[in-house]
Amino acid sequence: MAEAEARLETYLHTQQQRFTAPEGAVAASGLHSGSAGPNGWQTTTIRDQDAQPRPAGAHQLSVHCTGTGSLTVTLAIGESSESTQLPQCSPETAATTLSVRTTTQATPTTVTIAPAPGTVAAIAYALT
């Protein structure tokens, strides 16, 4: 098991170096996949919330996934939200983009990325 975890750590570090946040990104997360627990790696849901007001207009969340498994991605800004399924992460990189339009300044902003059970992947996202 230790050898498999070491390979995953090396893989995740390599993938983190491949991701660069898009120019103009307001917030970006470097990398998530899971956490080491007593029984090895555990699937972790990413839930990041920001209390900074977002201006009225269009906002995009880009999610990149390298590995295996699938993700459910949700972007909520104030009362507006959008959700989608990234059906399959890939060894190269799978990506999806969500758009949410707000008519007034809104808060909070919440990004939720829920991996399906058994997903082993490096996940990066940027909100612009």
Protein backbone atom coordinates (compact mmCIF):
# COMPACT_ATOMS: atom_id res chain seq x y z
CA MET A 1 0.00 0.00 0.00
CA ALA A 2 2.83 2.43 0.82
CA GLU A 3 4.26 1.98 -2.69
CA ALA A 4 0.88 2.79 -4.29
CA GLU A 5 0.50 5.90 -2.11
CA ALA A 6 4.02 7.02 -3.05
CA ARG A 7 3.18 6.63 -6.76
CA LEU A 8 -0.02 8.64 -6.26
CA GLU A 9 1.88 11.41 -4.44
CA THR A 10 4.40 11.62 -7.31
CA TYR A 11 1.59 11.63 -9.88
CA LEU A 12 -0.34 14.38 -8.07
CA HIS A 13 2.77 16.54 -7.70
CA THR A 14 3.47 16.20 -11.45
CA GLN A 15 -0.14 17.14 -12.32
CA GLN A 16 -0.08 20.15 -9.99
CA GLN A 17 2.85 21.55 -11.94
CA ARG A 18 0.84 21.21 -15.21
CA PHE A 19 -2.08 23.40 -14.04
CA THR A 20 -1.88 27.16 -14.43
CA ALA A 21 -4.81 29.35 -13.47
CA PRO A 22 -6.28 31.30 -16.39
CA GLU A 23 -5.32 34.95 -16.65
CA GLY A 24 -7.78 37.06 -14.70
CA ALA A 25 -8.76 34.22 -12.35
CA VAL A 26 -10.33 35.58 -9.20
CA ALA A 27 -9.67 32.43 -7.20
CA ALA A 28 -7.90 29.22 -8.01
CA SER A 29 -7.25 26.05 -6.11
CA GLY A 30 -4.02 24.29 -6.87
CA LEU A 31 -4.86 20.65 -6.39
CA HIS A 32 -7.14 18.32 -4.48
CA SER A 33 -7.71 14.61 -4.58
CA GLY A 34 -8.05 13.09 -1.18
CA SER A 35 -6.38 12.68 2.15
CA ALA A 36 -4.33 9.93 3.70
CA GLY A 37 -6.33 8.08 6.33
CA PRO A 38 -5.78 4.96 8.42
CA ASN A 39 -6.91 2.80 5.47
CA GLY A 40 -5.02 4.68 2.75
CA TRP A 41 -6.38 7.44 0.52
CA GLN A 42 -9.94 8.62 1.15
CA THR A 43 -12.17 10.42 -1.35
CA THR A 44 -12.67 14.06 -0.33
CA THR A 45 -15.39 16.49 -1.40
CA ILE A 46 -14.05 19.96 -2.14
CA ARG A 47 -16.26 22.72 -0.73
CA ASP A 48 -14.74 26.18 -0.82
CA GLN A 49 -16.73 29.25 0.16
CA ASP A 50 -15.80 32.90 -0.26
CA ALA A 51 -17.65 35.77 1.46
CA GLN A 52 -16.29 38.40 -0.96
CA PRO A 53 -19.13 40.04 -2.94
CA ARG A 54 -19.11 39.19 -6.66
CA PRO A 55 -20.21 41.90 -9.08
CA ALA A 56 -23.27 41.46 -11.29
CA GLY A 57 -22.48 39.66 -14.53
CA ALA A 58 -21.25 36.33 -15.86
CA HIS A 59 -18.91 34.14 -13.81
CA GLN A 60 -17.21 30.97 -15.03
CA LEU A 61 -15.83 28.01 -13.15
CA SER A 62 -13.33 25.85 -15.05
CA VAL A 63 -12.60 22.42 -13.57
CA HIS A 64 -9.77 20.14 -14.69
CA CYS A 65 -9.50 16.50 -13.66
CA THR A 66 -6.62 14.10 -14.32
CA GLY A 67 -6.94 10.49 -13.20
CA THR A 68 -9.90 8.12 -13.03
CA GLY A 69 -13.49 8.50 -11.87
CA SER A 70 -16.14 11.20 -12.22
CA LEU A 71 -17.11 14.46 -10.51
CA THR A 72 -20.25 16.42 -9.73
CA VAL A 73 -19.45 20.14 -9.92
CA THR A 74 -21.59 22.97 -8.49
CA LEU A 75 -21.04 26.74 -8.58
CA ALA A 76 -23.34 28.91 -6.45
CA ILE A 77 -23.15 32.70 -6.27
CA GLY A 78 -25.77 34.20 -3.99
CA GLU A 79 -29.11 32.71 -5.08
CA SER A 80 -27.84 31.67 -8.56
CA SER A 81 -26.35 28.22 -9.08
CA GLU A 82 -25.42 25.73 -11.78
CA SER A 83 -24.42 22.08 -11.49
CA THR A 84 -23.01 19.52 -13.94
CA GLN A 85 -21.41 16.09 -14.08
CA LEU A 86 -17.88 15.60 -15.39
CA PRO A 87 -18.56 12.01 -16.46
CA GLN A 88 -15.01 10.75 -16.72
CA CYS A 89 -11.65 12.07 -15.59
CA SER A 90 -8.89 10.97 -17.93
CA PRO A 91 -5.17 10.18 -17.72
CA GLU A 92 -4.50 13.29 -19.84
CA THR A 93 -6.94 15.95 -18.55
CA ALA A 94 -10.72 16.23 -18.69
CA ALA A 95 -12.30 19.65 -18.30
CA THR A 96 -15.68 21.28 -17.87
CA THR A 97 -16.88 24.86 -17.49
CA LEU A 98 -19.93 26.16 -15.63
CA SER A 99 -21.36 29.65 -16.11
CA VAL A 100 -23.51 31.53 -13.61
CA ARG A 101 -24.99 34.97 -14.30
CA THR A 102 -25.97 37.29 -11.48
CA THR A 103 -28.10 40.42 -11.92
CA THR A 104 -26.86 42.12 -8.78
CA GLN A 105 -23.80 41.97 -6.57
CA ALA A 106 -23.99 38.63 -4.74
CA THR A 107 -22.45 36.75 -1.86
CA PRO A 108 -21.37 34.10 -0.89
CA THR A 109 -19.65 32.15 -3.64
CA THR A 110 -19.51 28.40 -3.09
CA VAL A 111 -17.65 25.86 -5.23
CA THR A 112 -18.46 22.21 -4.53
CA ILE A 113 -16.69 19.36 -6.34
CA ALA A 114 -17.84 15.90 -5.26
CA PRO A 115 -15.90 12.91 -6.61
CA ALA A 116 -17.82 9.68 -7.14
CA PRO A 117 -16.73 6.81 -4.88
CA GLY A 118 -13.48 5.28 -6.11
CA THR A 119 -12.31 8.43 -7.92
CA VAL A 120 -8.53 8.85 -7.82
CA ALA A 121 -7.66 12.14 -9.46
CA ALA A 122 -5.88 15.45 -9.31
CA ILE A 123 -8.49 18.23 -9.46
CA ALA A 124 -7.81 21.87 -10.15
CA TYR A 125 -10.25 24.73 -10.69
CA ALA A 126 -10.33 28.42 -11.40
CA LEU A 127 -13.15 30.95 -10.99
CA THR A 128 -13.17 33.94 -13.34
